[in-house]
Amino acid sequence: MFQIDGAYSGFAVDDLDAAKAFYADTLGVEVDTLDNGFLQLRLDSGATILVYGKEHHEPASFTILNFPVDDVEAAVDDLNAKGVETAIYDDFPTDSKGIMRGNGPTIAWFRDPAGNVLAVHER
């Protein structure tokens, strides 16, 4: 019988060590290394996300993980201070920090070390 309890999301990276350092040290996400070597991100909401290594990884061309924040500009300043680039798109109407305002929620995108797209957006 198909069951939905315990469902979770996951995504691939090309370097699990780099991903662990980025998600734990740079973003402050709780990261566990599982027995199989994969990573598990544990979010404050109680959700978990599986991160697995993949040979010949190709980064997702869409946002794989969103972080709702109270102040996008402050979050972007914090990310930039940690060396994370948030001005990654030329084809969206963003300011010099990479923040898009007025076209839906205020949002800024950035990439993890594997090139996957993440975002901070207003709650």
PDB file of N, CA and C in Angstrom:
ATOM      1  N   MET A   1       0.842  -1.185   0.000  1.00  0.00           N
ATOM      2  CA  MET A   1       0.000   0.000   0.000  1.00  0.00           C
ATOM      3  C   MET A   1       0.888   1.249   0.000  1.00  0.00           C
ATOM      4  N   PHE A   2       0.583   2.179  -0.882  1.00  0.00           N
ATOM      5  CA  PHE A   2       1.316   3.446  -0.956  1.00  0.00           C
ATOM      6  C   PHE A   2       1.035   4.274   0.288  1.00  0.00           C
ATOM      7  N   GLN A   3       2.110   4.765   0.929  1.00  0.00           N
ATOM      8  CA  GLN A   3       1.950   5.603   2.117  1.00  0.00           C
ATOM      9  C   GLN A   3       2.728   6.897   1.936  1.00  0.00           C
ATOM     10  N   ILE A   4       2.212   7.972   2.501  1.00  0.00           N
ATOM     11  CA  ILE A   4       2.875   9.263   2.357  1.00  0.00           C
ATOM     12  C   ILE A   4       3.562   9.729   3.635  1.00  0.00           C
ATOM     13  N   ASP A   5       3.332   9.056   4.749  1.00  0.00           N
ATOM     14  CA  ASP A   5       3.991   9.481   5.982  1.00  0.00           C
ATOM     15  C   ASP A   5       5.490   9.204   5.850  1.00  0.00           C
ATOM     16  N   GLY A   6       6.293  10.122   6.304  1.00  0.00           N
ATOM     17  CA  GLY A   6       7.735   9.979   6.224  1.00  0.00           C
ATOM     18  C   GLY A   6       8.335  10.442   4.902  1.00  0.00           C
ATOM     19  N   ALA A   7       7.536  11.049   4.028  1.00  0.00           N
ATOM     20  CA  ALA A   7       8.061  11.546   2.754  1.00  0.00           C
ATOM     21  C   ALA A   7       9.086  12.647   3.012  1.00  0.00           C
ATOM     22  N   TYR A   8      10.054  12.746   2.145  1.00  0.00           N
ATOM     23  CA  TYR A   8      11.079  13.778   2.257  1.00  0.00           C
ATOM     24  C   TYR A   8      11.570  14.133   0.860  1.00  0.00           C
ATOM     25  N   SER A   9      12.285  15.211   0.782  1.00  0.00           N
ATOM     26  CA  SER A   9      12.846  15.661  -0.478  1.00  0.00           C
ATOM     27  C   SER A   9      14.343  15.404  -0.476  1.00  0.00           C
ATOM     28  N   GLY A  10      14.938  15.461  -1.645  1.00  0.00           N
ATOM     29  CA  GLY A  10      16.368  15.280  -1.744  1.00  0.00           C
ATOM     30  C   GLY A  10      16.909  15.925  -3.002  1.00  0.00           C
ATOM     31  N   PHE A  11      18.216  16.140  -3.019  1.00  0.00           N
ATOM     32  CA  PHE A  11      18.879  16.669  -4.204  1.00  0.00           C
ATOM     33  C   PHE A  11      20.323  16.201  -4.232  1.00  0.00           C
ATOM     34  N   ALA A  12      20.930  16.302  -5.408  1.00  0.00           N
ATOM     35  CA  ALA A  12      22.290  15.822  -5.625  1.00  0.00           C
ATOM     36  C   ALA A  12      23.301  16.955  -5.563  1.00  0.00           C
ATOM     37  N   VAL A  13      24.517  16.582  -5.202  1.00  0.00           N
ATOM     38  CA  VAL A  13      25.672  17.470  -5.234  1.00  0.00           C
ATOM     39  C   VAL A  13      26.850  16.685  -5.798  1.00  0.00           C
ATOM     40  N   ASP A  14      27.895  17.402  -6.178  1.00  0.00           N
ATOM     41  CA  ASP A  14      29.068  16.714  -6.710  1.00  0.00           C
ATOM     42  C   ASP A  14      30.140  16.467  -5.659  1.00  0.00           C
ATOM     43  N   ASP A  15      30.019  17.100  -4.483  1.00  0.00           N
ATOM     44  CA  ASP A  15      31.028  16.963  -3.434  1.00  0.00           C
ATOM     45  C   ASP A  15      30.328  17.034  -2.081  1.00  0.00           C
ATOM     46  N   LEU A  16      30.178  15.895  -1.432  1.00  0.00           N
ATOM     47  CA  LEU A  16      29.458  15.847  -0.148  1.00  0.00           C
ATOM     48  C   LEU A  16      30.187  16.618   0.955  1.00  0.00           C
ATOM     49  N   ASP A  17      31.508  16.597   0.968  1.00  0.00           N
ATOM     50  CA  ASP A  17      32.249  17.341   1.992  1.00  0.00           C
ATOM     51  C   ASP A  17      32.032  18.844   1.846  1.00  0.00           C
ATOM     52  N   ALA A  18      32.096  19.344   0.614  1.00  0.00           N
ATOM     53  CA  ALA A  18      31.859  20.765   0.367  1.00  0.00           C
ATOM     54  C   ALA A  18      30.423  21.139   0.724  1.00  0.00           C
ATOM     55  N   ALA A  19      29.481  20.264   0.397  1.00  0.00           N
ATOM     56  CA  ALA A  19      28.073  20.524   0.726  1.00  0.00           C
ATOM     57  C   ALA A  19      27.881  20.574   2.233  1.00  0.00           C
ATOM     58  N   LYS A  20      28.498  19.636   2.949  1.00  0.00           N
ATOM     59  CA  LYS A  20      28.349  19.619   4.402  1.00  0.00           C
ATOM     60  C   LYS A  20      28.898  20.900   5.010  1.00  0.00           C
ATOM     61  N   ALA A  21      30.067  21.325   4.580  1.00  0.00           N
ATOM     62  CA  ALA A  21      30.658  22.555   5.103  1.00  0.00           C
ATOM     63  C   ALA A  21      29.772  23.764   4.803  1.00  0.00           C
ATOM     64  N   PHE A  22      29.260  23.846   3.583  1.00  0.00           N
ATOM     65  CA  PHE A  22      28.431  24.981   3.193  1.00  0.00           C
ATOM     66  C   PHE A  22      27.130  25.032   3.987  1.00  0.00           C
ATOM     67  N   TYR A  23      26.406  23.921   4.005  1.00  0.00           N
ATOM     68  CA  TYR A  23      25.102  23.929   4.671  1.00  0.00           C
ATOM     69  C   TYR A  23      25.252  24.086   6.186  1.00  0.00           C
ATOM     70  N   ALA A  24      26.245  23.466   6.783  1.00  0.00           N
ATOM     71  CA  ALA A  24      26.428  23.552   8.238  1.00  0.00           C
ATOM     72  C   ALA A  24      27.097  24.852   8.636  1.00  0.00           C
ATOM     73  N   ASP A  25      28.255  25.132   8.059  1.00  0.00           N
ATOM     74  CA  ASP A  25      29.059  26.260   8.527  1.00  0.00           C
ATOM     75  C   ASP A  25      28.601  27.602   7.962  1.00  0.00           C
ATOM     76  N   THR A  26      28.269  27.637   6.697  1.00  0.00           N
ATOM     77  CA  THR A  26      27.881  28.904   6.075  1.00  0.00           C
ATOM     78  C   THR A  26      26.418  29.245   6.352  1.00  0.00           C
ATOM     79  N   LEU A  27      25.527  28.265   6.162  1.00  0.00           N
ATOM     80  CA  LEU A  27      24.095  28.539   6.329  1.00  0.00           C
ATOM     81  C   LEU A  27      23.578  28.244   7.734  1.00  0.00           C
ATOM     82  N   GLY A  28      24.296  27.461   8.517  1.00  0.00           N
ATOM     83  CA  GLY A  28      23.865  27.160   9.879  1.00  0.00           C
ATOM     84  C   GLY A  28      22.789  26.102   9.977  1.00  0.00           C
ATOM     85  N   VAL A  29      22.675  25.263   8.954  1.00  0.00           N
ATOM     86  CA  VAL A  29      21.713  24.166   8.958  1.00  0.00           C
ATOM     87  C   VAL A  29      22.323  22.996   9.719  1.00  0.00           C
ATOM     88  N   GLU A  30      21.513  22.286  10.475  1.00  0.00           N
ATOM     89  CA  GLU A  30      21.998  21.088  11.158  1.00  0.00           C
ATOM     90  C   GLU A  30      22.148  19.980  10.119  1.00  0.00           C
ATOM     91  N   VAL A  31      23.350  19.414  10.022  1.00  0.00           N
ATOM     92  CA  VAL A  31      23.652  18.409   9.004  1.00  0.00           C
ATOM     93  C   VAL A  31      24.161  17.143   9.678  1.00  0.00           C
ATOM     94  N   ASP A  32      23.547  16.024   9.344  1.00  0.00           N
ATOM     95  CA  ASP A  32      24.006  14.720   9.818  1.00  0.00           C
ATOM     96  C   ASP A  32      24.600  13.960   8.645  1.00  0.00           C
ATOM     97  N   THR A  33      25.646  13.176   8.923  1.00  0.00           N
ATOM     98  CA  THR A  33      26.162  12.239   7.930  1.00  0.00           C
ATOM     99  C   THR A  33      25.538  10.886   8.229  1.00  0.00           C
ATOM    100  N   LEU A  34      24.838  10.342   7.256  1.00  0.00           N
ATOM    101  CA  LEU A  34      24.152   9.069   7.431  1.00  0.00           C
ATOM    102  C   LEU A  34      25.128   7.899   7.244  1.00  0.00           C
ATOM    103  N   ASP A  35      24.726   6.734   7.670  1.00  0.00           N
ATOM    104  CA  ASP A  35      25.571   5.546   7.564  1.00  0.00           C
ATOM    105  C   ASP A  35      26.017   5.255   6.135  1.00  0.00           C
ATOM    106  N   ASN A  36      25.193   5.610   5.160  1.00  0.00           N
ATOM    107  CA  ASN A  36      25.541   5.364   3.756  1.00  0.00           C
ATOM    108  C   ASN A  36      26.407   6.470   3.159  1.00  0.00           C
ATOM    109  N   GLY A  37      26.793   7.464   3.989  1.00  0.00           N
ATOM    110  CA  GLY A  37      27.631   8.564   3.524  1.00  0.00           C
ATOM    111  C   GLY A  37      26.859   9.757   3.017  1.00  0.00           C
ATOM    112  N   PHE A  38      25.558   9.595   2.792  1.00  0.00           N
ATOM    113  CA  PHE A  38      24.739  10.724   2.367  1.00  0.00           C
ATOM    114  C   PHE A  38      24.603  11.706   3.522  1.00  0.00           C
ATOM    115  N   LEU A  39      24.114  12.892   3.220  1.00  0.00           N
ATOM    116  CA  LEU A  39      23.864  13.903   4.241  1.00  0.00           C
ATOM    117  C   LEU A  39      22.369  14.046   4.451  1.00  0.00           C
ATOM    118  N   GLN A  40      22.007  14.453   5.649  1.00  0.00           N
ATOM    119  CA  GLN A  40      20.619  14.785   5.949  1.00  0.00           C
ATOM    120  C   GLN A  40      20.605  16.174   6.556  1.00  0.00           C
ATOM    121  N   LEU A  41      19.900  17.077   5.893  1.00  0.00           N
ATOM    122  CA  LEU A  41      19.706  18.419   6.434  1.00  0.00           C
ATOM    123  C   LEU A  41      18.493  18.365   7.344  1.00  0.00           C
ATOM    124  N   ARG A  42      18.644  18.884   8.554  1.00  0.00           N
ATOM    125  CA  ARG A  42      17.509  18.938   9.483  1.00  0.00           C
ATOM    126  C   ARG A  42      17.130  20.400   9.683  1.00  0.00           C
ATOM    127  N   LEU A  43      15.948  20.748   9.229  1.00  0.00           N
ATOM    128  CA  LEU A  43      15.483  22.130   9.296  1.00  0.00           C
ATOM    129  C   LEU A  43      14.705  22.375  10.578  1.00  0.00           C
ATOM    130  N   ASP A  44      14.648  23.634  10.991  1.00  0.00           N
ATOM    131  CA  ASP A  44      13.933  23.997  12.212  1.00  0.00           C
ATOM    132  C   ASP A  44      12.464  23.587  12.169  1.00  0.00           C
ATOM    133  N   SER A  45      11.896  23.483  10.978  1.00  0.00           N
ATOM    134  CA  SER A  45      10.490  23.110  10.826  1.00  0.00           C
ATOM    135  C   SER A  45      10.249  21.637  11.151  1.00  0.00           C
ATOM    136  N   GLY A  46      11.339  20.869  11.281  1.00  0.00           N
ATOM    137  CA  GLY A  46      11.221  19.432  11.498  1.00  0.00           C
ATOM    138  C   GLY A  46      11.401  18.639  10.213  1.00  0.00           C
ATOM    139  N   ALA A  47      11.402  19.309   9.086  1.00  0.00           N
ATOM    140  CA  ALA A  47      11.597  18.632   7.804  1.00  0.00           C
ATOM    141  C   ALA A  47      13.048  18.175   7.663  1.00  0.00           C
ATOM    142  N   THR A  48      13.237  17.109   6.913  1.00  0.00           N
ATOM    143  CA  THR A  48      14.576  16.650   6.585  1.00  0.00           C
ATOM    144  C   THR A  48      14.724  16.589   5.070  1.00  0.00           C
ATOM    145  N   ILE A  49      15.946  16.794   4.620  1.00  0.00           N
ATOM    146  CA  ILE A  49      16.248  16.764   3.197  1.00  0.00           C
ATOM    147  C   ILE A  49      17.477  15.896   2.996  1.00  0.00           C
ATOM    148  N   LEU A  50      17.396  14.967   2.084  1.00  0.00           N
ATOM    149  CA  LEU A  50      18.513  14.086   1.768  1.00  0.00           C
ATOM    150  C   LEU A  50      19.407  14.764   0.735  1.00  0.00           C
ATOM    151  N   VAL A  51      20.698  14.749   0.979  1.00  0.00           N
ATOM    152  CA  VAL A  51      21.674  15.275   0.026  1.00  0.00           C
ATOM    153  C   VAL A  51      22.597  14.111  -0.327  1.00  0.00           C
ATOM    154  N   TYR A  52      22.676  13.800  -1.594  1.00  0.00           N
ATOM    155  CA  TYR A  52      23.459  12.653  -2.020  1.00  0.00           C
ATOM    156  C   TYR A  52      24.445  13.063  -3.106  1.00  0.00           C
ATOM    157  N   GLY A  53      25.559  12.367  -3.136  1.00  0.00           N
ATOM    158  CA  GLY A  53      26.553  12.617  -4.158  1.00  0.00           C
ATOM    159  C   GLY A  53      26.164  11.950  -5.461  1.00  0.00           C
ATOM    160  N   LYS A  54      26.486  12.614  -6.556  1.00  0.00           N
ATOM    161  CA  LYS A  54      26.160  12.066  -7.866  1.00  0.00           C
ATOM    162  C   LYS A  54      27.313  12.368  -8.820  1.00  0.00           C
ATOM    163  N   GLU A  55      27.841  11.316  -9.409  1.00  0.00           N
ATOM    164  CA  GLU A  55      28.873  11.504 -10.423  1.00  0.00           C
ATOM    165  C   GLU A  55      28.283  12.263 -11.593  1.00  0.00           C
ATOM    166  N   HIS A  56      29.074  13.115 -12.198  1.00  0.00           N
ATOM    167  CA  HIS A  56      28.638  13.909 -13.359  1.00  0.00           C
ATOM    168  C   HIS A  56      27.413  14.772 -13.015  1.00  0.00           C
ATOM    169  N   HIS A  57      27.373  15.250 -11.778  1.00  0.00           N
ATOM    170  CA  HIS A  57      26.263  16.102 -11.316  1.00  0.00           C
ATOM    171  C   HIS A  57      26.095  17.309 -12.223  1.00  0.00           C
ATOM    172  N   GLU A  58      24.855  17.599 -12.539  1.00  0.00           N
ATOM    173  CA  GLU A  58      24.507  18.831 -13.239  1.00  0.00           C
ATOM    174  C   GLU A  58      23.588  19.617 -12.327  1.00  0.00           C
ATOM    175  N   PRO A  59      23.951  20.856 -11.980  1.00  0.00           N
ATOM    176  CA  PRO A  59      23.137  21.637 -11.045  1.00  0.00           C
ATOM    177  C   PRO A  59      21.706  21.821 -11.540  1.00  0.00           C
ATOM    178  N   ALA A  60      20.794  21.858 -10.600  1.00  0.00           N
ATOM    179  CA  ALA A  60      19.397  22.139 -10.932  1.00  0.00           C
ATOM    180  C   ALA A  60      19.300  23.550 -11.503  1.00  0.00           C
ATOM    181  N   SER A  61      18.483  23.725 -12.503  1.00  0.00           N
ATOM    182  CA  SER A  61      18.299  25.041 -13.124  1.00  0.00           C
ATOM    183  C   SER A  61      17.136  25.804 -12.487  1.00  0.00           C
ATOM    184  N   PHE A  62      16.640  25.293 -11.395  1.00  0.00           N
ATOM    185  CA  PHE A  62      15.513  25.895 -10.685  1.00  0.00           C
ATOM    186  C   PHE A  62      15.867  25.925  -9.202  1.00  0.00           C
ATOM    187  N   THR A  63      15.088  26.638  -8.419  1.00  0.00           N
ATOM    188  CA  THR A  63      15.344  26.741  -6.984  1.00  0.00           C
ATOM    189  C   THR A  63      14.975  25.425  -6.307  1.00  0.00           C
ATOM    190  N   ILE A  64      15.951  24.832  -5.616  1.00  0.00           N
ATOM    191  CA  ILE A  64      15.716  23.546  -4.953  1.00  0.00           C
ATOM    192  C   ILE A  64      15.377  23.697  -3.480  1.00  0.00           C
ATOM    193  N   LEU A  65      15.709  24.855  -2.894  1.00  0.00           N
ATOM    194  CA  LEU A  65      15.481  25.039  -1.472  1.00  0.00           C
ATOM    195  C   LEU A  65      15.286  26.519  -1.191  1.00  0.00           C
ATOM    196  N   ASN A  66      14.202  26.843  -0.503  1.00  0.00           N
ATOM    197  CA  ASN A  66      13.861  28.226  -0.160  1.00  0.00           C
ATOM    198  C   ASN A  66      13.958  28.427   1.343  1.00  0.00           C
ATOM    199  N   PHE A  67      14.507  29.571   1.733  1.00  0.00           N
ATOM    200  CA  PHE A  67      14.591  29.938   3.144  1.00  0.00           C
ATOM    201  C   PHE A  67      13.765  31.202   3.364  1.00  0.00           C
ATOM    202  N   PRO A  68      12.579  31.094   3.984  1.00  0.00           N
ATOM    203  CA  PRO A  68      11.794  32.284   4.300  1.00  0.00           C
ATOM    204  C   PRO A  68      12.480  33.052   5.434  1.00  0.00           C
ATOM    205  N   VAL A  69      12.596  34.361   5.260  1.00  0.00           N
ATOM    206  CA  VAL A  69      13.260  35.206   6.260  1.00  0.00           C
ATOM    207  C   VAL A  69      12.415  36.447   6.507  1.00  0.00           C
ATOM    208  N   ASP A  70      12.647  37.078   7.653  1.00  0.00           N
ATOM    209  CA  ASP A  70      11.918  38.301   7.981  1.00  0.00           C
ATOM    210  C   ASP A  70      12.450  39.507   7.209  1.00  0.00           C
ATOM    211  N   ASP A  71      13.751  39.515   6.921  1.00  0.00           N
ATOM    212  CA  ASP A  71      14.386  40.654   6.271  1.00  0.00           C
ATOM    213  C   ASP A  71      15.349  40.133   5.205  1.00  0.00           C
ATOM    214  N   VAL A  72      14.922  40.184   3.947  1.00  0.00           N
ATOM    215  CA  VAL A  72      15.728  39.660   2.849  1.00  0.00           C
ATOM    216  C   VAL A  72      17.043  40.421   2.734  1.00  0.00           C
ATOM    217  N   GLU A  73      16.997  41.726   2.834  1.00  0.00           N
ATOM    218  CA  GLU A  73      18.227  42.513   2.691  1.00  0.00           C
ATOM    219  C   GLU A  73      19.244  42.151   3.772  1.00  0.00           C
ATOM    220  N   ALA A  74      18.804  41.988   5.006  1.00  0.00           N
ATOM    221  CA  ALA A  74      19.716  41.591   6.091  1.00  0.00           C
ATOM    222  C   ALA A  74      20.260  40.183   5.843  1.00  0.00           C
ATOM    223  N   ALA A  75      19.423  39.275   5.354  1.00  0.00           N
ATOM    224  CA  ALA A  75      19.878  37.921   5.048  1.00  0.00           C
ATOM    225  C   ALA A  75      20.913  37.949   3.932  1.00  0.00           C
ATOM    226  N   VAL A  76      20.678  38.748   2.906  1.00  0.00           N
ATOM    227  CA  VAL A  76      21.623  38.876   1.799  1.00  0.00           C
ATOM    228  C   VAL A  76      22.943  39.462   2.299  1.00  0.00           C
ATOM    229  N   ASP A  77      22.872  40.482   3.142  1.00  0.00           N
ATOM    230  CA  ASP A  77      24.099  41.064   3.692  1.00  0.00           C
ATOM    231  C   ASP A  77      24.881  40.018   4.480  1.00  0.00           C
ATOM    232  N   ASP A  78      24.174  39.189   5.260  1.00  0.00           N
ATOM    233  CA  ASP A  78      24.819  38.132   6.032  1.00  0.00           C
ATOM    234  C   ASP A  78      25.460  37.102   5.100  1.00  0.00           C
ATOM    235  N   LEU A  79      24.730  36.673   4.079  1.00  0.00           N
ATOM    236  CA  LEU A  79      25.277  35.716   3.122  1.00  0.00           C
ATOM    237  C   LEU A  79      26.496  36.285   2.404  1.00  0.00           C
ATOM    238  N   ASN A  80      26.391  37.539   1.945  1.00  0.00           N
ATOM    239  CA  ASN A  80      27.511  38.167   1.247  1.00  0.00           C
ATOM    240  C   ASN A  80      28.735  38.271   2.143  1.00  0.00           C
ATOM    241  N   ALA A  81      28.530  38.570   3.428  1.00  0.00           N
ATOM    242  CA  ALA A  81      29.648  38.656   4.374  1.00  0.00           C
ATOM    243  C   ALA A  81      30.336  37.306   4.555  1.00  0.00           C
ATOM    244  N   LYS A  82      29.611  36.229   4.289  1.00  0.00           N
ATOM    245  CA  LYS A  82      30.173  34.874   4.396  1.00  0.00           C
ATOM    246  C   LYS A  82      30.727  34.390   3.055  1.00  0.00           C
ATOM    247  N   GLY A  83      30.769  35.286   2.071  1.00  0.00           N
ATOM    248  CA  GLY A  83      31.333  34.941   0.775  1.00  0.00           C
ATOM    249  C   GLY A  83      30.365  34.342  -0.222  1.00  0.00           C
ATOM    250  N   VAL A  84      29.062  34.362   0.096  1.00  0.00           N
ATOM    251  CA  VAL A  84      28.052  33.807  -0.810  1.00  0.00           C
ATOM    252  C   VAL A  84      27.593  34.898  -1.774  1.00  0.00           C
ATOM    253  N   GLU A  85      27.670  34.616  -3.057  1.00  0.00           N
ATOM    254  CA  GLU A  85      27.236  35.568  -4.080  1.00  0.00           C
ATOM    255  C   GLU A  85      25.734  35.446  -4.284  1.00  0.00           C
ATOM    256  N   THR A  86      25.032  36.567  -4.202  1.00  0.00           N
ATOM    257  CA  THR A  86      23.580  36.553  -4.367  1.00  0.00           C
ATOM    258  C   THR A  86      23.132  37.218  -5.671  1.00  0.00           C
ATOM    259  N   ALA A  87      24.004  37.895  -6.354  1.00  0.00           N
ATOM    260  CA  ALA A  87      23.648  38.503  -7.637  1.00  0.00           C
ATOM    261  C   ALA A  87      24.048  37.514  -8.738  1.00  0.00           C
ATOM    262  N   ILE A  88      23.216  36.485  -8.966  1.00  0.00           N
ATOM    263  CA  ILE A  88      23.589  35.419  -9.888  1.00  0.00           C
ATOM    264  C   ILE A  88      22.827  35.450 -11.206  1.00  0.00           C
ATOM    265  N   TYR A  89      21.805  36.280 -11.310  1.00  0.00           N
ATOM    266  CA  TYR A  89      21.002  36.315 -12.531  1.00  0.00           C
ATOM    267  C   TYR A  89      21.088  37.678 -13.200  1.00  0.00           C
ATOM    268  N   ASP A  90      21.239  37.670 -14.517  1.00  0.00           N
ATOM    269  CA  ASP A  90      21.205  38.901 -15.300  1.00  0.00           C
ATOM    270  C   ASP A  90      19.833  39.118 -15.921  1.00  0.00           C
ATOM    271  N   ASP A  91      19.025  38.048 -15.996  1.00  0.00           N
ATOM    272  CA  ASP A  91      17.760  38.140 -16.707  1.00  0.00           C
ATOM    273  C   ASP A  91      16.545  38.370 -15.806  1.00  0.00           C
ATOM    274  N   PHE A  92      16.796  38.635 -14.517  1.00  0.00           N
ATOM    275  CA  PHE A  92      15.712  39.014 -13.601  1.00  0.00           C
ATOM    276  C   PHE A  92      15.964  40.452 -13.159  1.00  0.00           C
ATOM    277  N   PRO A  93      14.896  41.202 -12.892  1.00  0.00           N
ATOM    278  CA  PRO A  93      15.076  42.601 -12.472  1.00  0.00           C
ATOM    279  C   PRO A  93      15.524  42.684 -11.005  1.00  0.00           C
ATOM    280  N   THR A  94      16.819  42.459 -10.783  1.00  0.00           N
ATOM    281  CA  THR A  94      17.361  42.495  -9.424  1.00  0.00           C
ATOM    282  C   THR A  94      18.268  43.702  -9.252  1.00  0.00           C
ATOM    283  N   ASP A  95      18.453  44.094  -7.997  1.00  0.00           N
ATOM    284  CA  ASP A  95      19.380  45.191  -7.709  1.00  0.00           C
ATOM    285  C   ASP A  95      20.808  44.658  -7.647  1.00  0.00           C
ATOM    286  N   SER A  96      21.755  45.506  -7.256  1.00  0.00           N
ATOM    287  CA  SER A  96      23.169  45.123  -7.252  1.00  0.00           C
ATOM    288  C   SER A  96      23.473  43.995  -6.261  1.00  0.00           C
ATOM    289  N   LYS A  97      22.604  43.801  -5.271  1.00  0.00           N
ATOM    290  CA  LYS A  97      22.780  42.705  -4.315  1.00  0.00           C
ATOM    291  C   LYS A  97      22.113  41.412  -4.789  1.00  0.00           C
ATOM    292  N   GLY A  98      21.385  41.490  -5.903  1.00  0.00           N
ATOM    293  CA  GLY A  98      20.684  40.318  -6.405  1.00  0.00           C
ATOM    294  C   GLY A  98      19.292  40.158  -5.833  1.00  0.00           C
ATOM    295  N   ILE A  99      18.750  41.212  -5.238  1.00  0.00           N
ATOM    296  CA  ILE A  99      17.417  41.153  -4.644  1.00  0.00           C
ATOM    297  C   ILE A  99      16.380  41.625  -5.666  1.00  0.00           C
ATOM    298  N   MET A 100      15.345  40.820  -5.859  1.00  0.00           N
ATOM    299  CA  MET A 100      14.242  41.204  -6.729  1.00  0.00           C
ATOM    300  C   MET A 100      13.076  41.645  -5.854  1.00  0.00           C
ATOM    301  N   ARG A 101      12.588  42.829  -6.146  1.00  0.00           N
ATOM    302  CA  ARG A 101      11.453  43.386  -5.399  1.00  0.00           C
ATOM    303  C   ARG A 101      10.330  43.724  -6.378  1.00  0.00           C
ATOM    304  N   GLY A 102       9.090  43.555  -5.922  1.00  0.00           N
ATOM    305  CA  GLY A 102       7.954  44.018  -6.704  1.00  0.00           C
ATOM    306  C   GLY A 102       7.422  43.056  -7.752  1.00  0.00           C
ATOM    307  N   ASN A 103       8.051  41.932  -7.946  1.00  0.00           N
ATOM    308  CA  ASN A 103       7.567  40.916  -8.881  1.00  0.00           C
ATOM    309  C   ASN A 103       7.264  39.653  -8.097  1.00  0.00           C
ATOM    310  N   GLY A 104       6.315  39.718  -7.188  1.00  0.00           N
ATOM    311  CA  GLY A 104       6.077  38.622  -6.261  1.00  0.00           C
ATOM    312  C   GLY A 104       6.794  38.942  -4.958  1.00  0.00           C
ATOM    313  N   PRO A 105       7.122  37.923  -4.184  1.00  0.00           N
ATOM    314  CA  PRO A 105       7.790  38.205  -2.911  1.00  0.00           C
ATOM    315  C   PRO A 105       9.200  38.741  -3.147  1.00  0.00           C
ATOM    316  N   THR A 106       9.675  39.545  -2.229  1.00  0.00           N
ATOM    317  CA  THR A 106      11.062  39.989  -2.280  1.00  0.00           C
ATOM    318  C   THR A 106      11.933  38.753  -2.104  1.00  0.00           C
ATOM    319  N   ILE A 107      12.882  38.559  -3.031  1.00  0.00           N
ATOM    320  CA  ILE A 107      13.638  37.303  -3.074  1.00  0.00           C
ATOM    321  C   ILE A 107      15.046  37.546  -3.610  1.00  0.00           C
ATOM    322  N   ALA A 108      15.978  36.725  -3.162  1.00  0.00           N
ATOM    323  CA  ALA A 108      17.339  36.727  -3.703  1.00  0.00           C
ATOM    324  C   ALA A 108      17.796  35.279  -3.833  1.00  0.00           C
ATOM    325  N   TRP A 109      18.459  34.991  -4.936  1.00  0.00           N
ATOM    326  CA  TRP A 109      18.925  33.639  -5.198  1.00  0.00           C
ATOM    327  C   TRP A 109      20.428  33.549  -4.992  1.00  0.00           C
ATOM    328  N   PHE A 110      20.896  32.342  -4.678  1.00  0.00           N
ATOM    329  CA  PHE A 110      22.327  32.069  -4.562  1.00  0.00           C
ATOM    330  C   PHE A 110      22.536  30.593  -4.859  1.00  0.00           C
ATOM    331  N   ARG A 111      23.787  30.189  -4.940  1.00  0.00           N
ATOM    332  CA  ARG A 111      24.104  28.804  -5.300  1.00  0.00           C
ATOM    333  C   ARG A 111      24.878  28.106  -4.184  1.00  0.00           C
ATOM    334  N   ASP A 112      24.667  26.801  -4.074  1.00  0.00           N
ATOM    335  CA  ASP A 112      25.498  26.014  -3.172  1.00  0.00           C
ATOM    336  C   ASP A 112      26.788  25.653  -3.926  1.00  0.00           C
ATOM    337  N   PRO A 113      27.751  25.011  -3.275  1.00  0.00           N
ATOM    338  CA  PRO A 113      29.012  24.711  -3.968  1.00  0.00           C
ATOM    339  C   PRO A 113      28.852  23.827  -5.206  1.00  0.00           C
ATOM    340  N   ALA A 114      27.766  23.065  -5.289  1.00  0.00           N
ATOM    341  CA  ALA A 114      27.513  22.226  -6.460  1.00  0.00           C
ATOM    342  C   ALA A 114      26.815  22.979  -7.582  1.00  0.00           C
ATOM    343  N   GLY A 115      26.465  24.253  -7.337  1.00  0.00           N
ATOM    344  CA  GLY A 115      25.792  25.057  -8.347  1.00  0.00           C
ATOM    345  C   GLY A 115      24.283  25.020  -8.281  1.00  0.00           C
ATOM    346  N   ASN A 116      23.709  24.270  -7.338  1.00  0.00           N
ATOM    347  CA  ASN A 116      22.248  24.246  -7.178  1.00  0.00           C
ATOM    348  C   ASN A 116      21.754  25.601  -6.689  1.00  0.00           C
ATOM    349  N   VAL A 117      20.588  26.004  -7.149  1.00  0.00           N
ATOM    350  CA  VAL A 117      20.028  27.307  -6.809  1.00  0.00           C
ATOM    351  C   VAL A 117      19.206  27.222  -5.520  1.00  0.00           C
ATOM    352  N   LEU A 118      19.483  28.148  -4.617  1.00  0.00           N
ATOM    353  CA  LEU A 118      18.750  28.312  -3.350  1.00  0.00           C
ATOM    354  C   LEU A 118      18.225  29.737  -3.322  1.00  0.00           C
ATOM    355  N   ALA A 119      17.332  30.032  -2.384  1.00  0.00           N
ATOM    356  CA  ALA A 119      16.800  31.399  -2.300  1.00  0.00           C
ATOM    357  C   ALA A 119      16.458  31.763  -0.863  1.00  0.00           C
ATOM    358  N   VAL A 120      16.553  33.052  -0.596  1.00  0.00           N
ATOM    359  CA  VAL A 120      15.947  33.632   0.604  1.00  0.00           C
ATOM    360  C   VAL A 120      14.819  34.517   0.110  1.00  0.00           C
ATOM    361  N   HIS A 121      13.663  34.447   0.764  1.00  0.00           N
ATOM    362  CA  HIS A 121      12.551  35.294   0.371  1.00  0.00           C
ATOM    363  C   HIS A 121      11.796  35.743   1.604  1.00  0.00           C
ATOM    364  N   GLU A 122      11.048  36.816   1.438  1.00  0.00           N
ATOM    365  CA  GLU A 122      10.298  37.340   2.578  1.00  0.00           C
ATOM    366  C   GLU A 122       9.208  36.355   2.986  1.00  0.00           C
ATOM    367  N   ARG A 123       8.973  36.304   4.282  1.00  0.00           N
ATOM    368  CA  ARG A 123       7.915  35.422   4.805  1.00  0.00           C
ATOM    369  C   ARG A 123       6.571  35.873   4.316  1.00  0.00           C
TER     370      ARG A 123
END
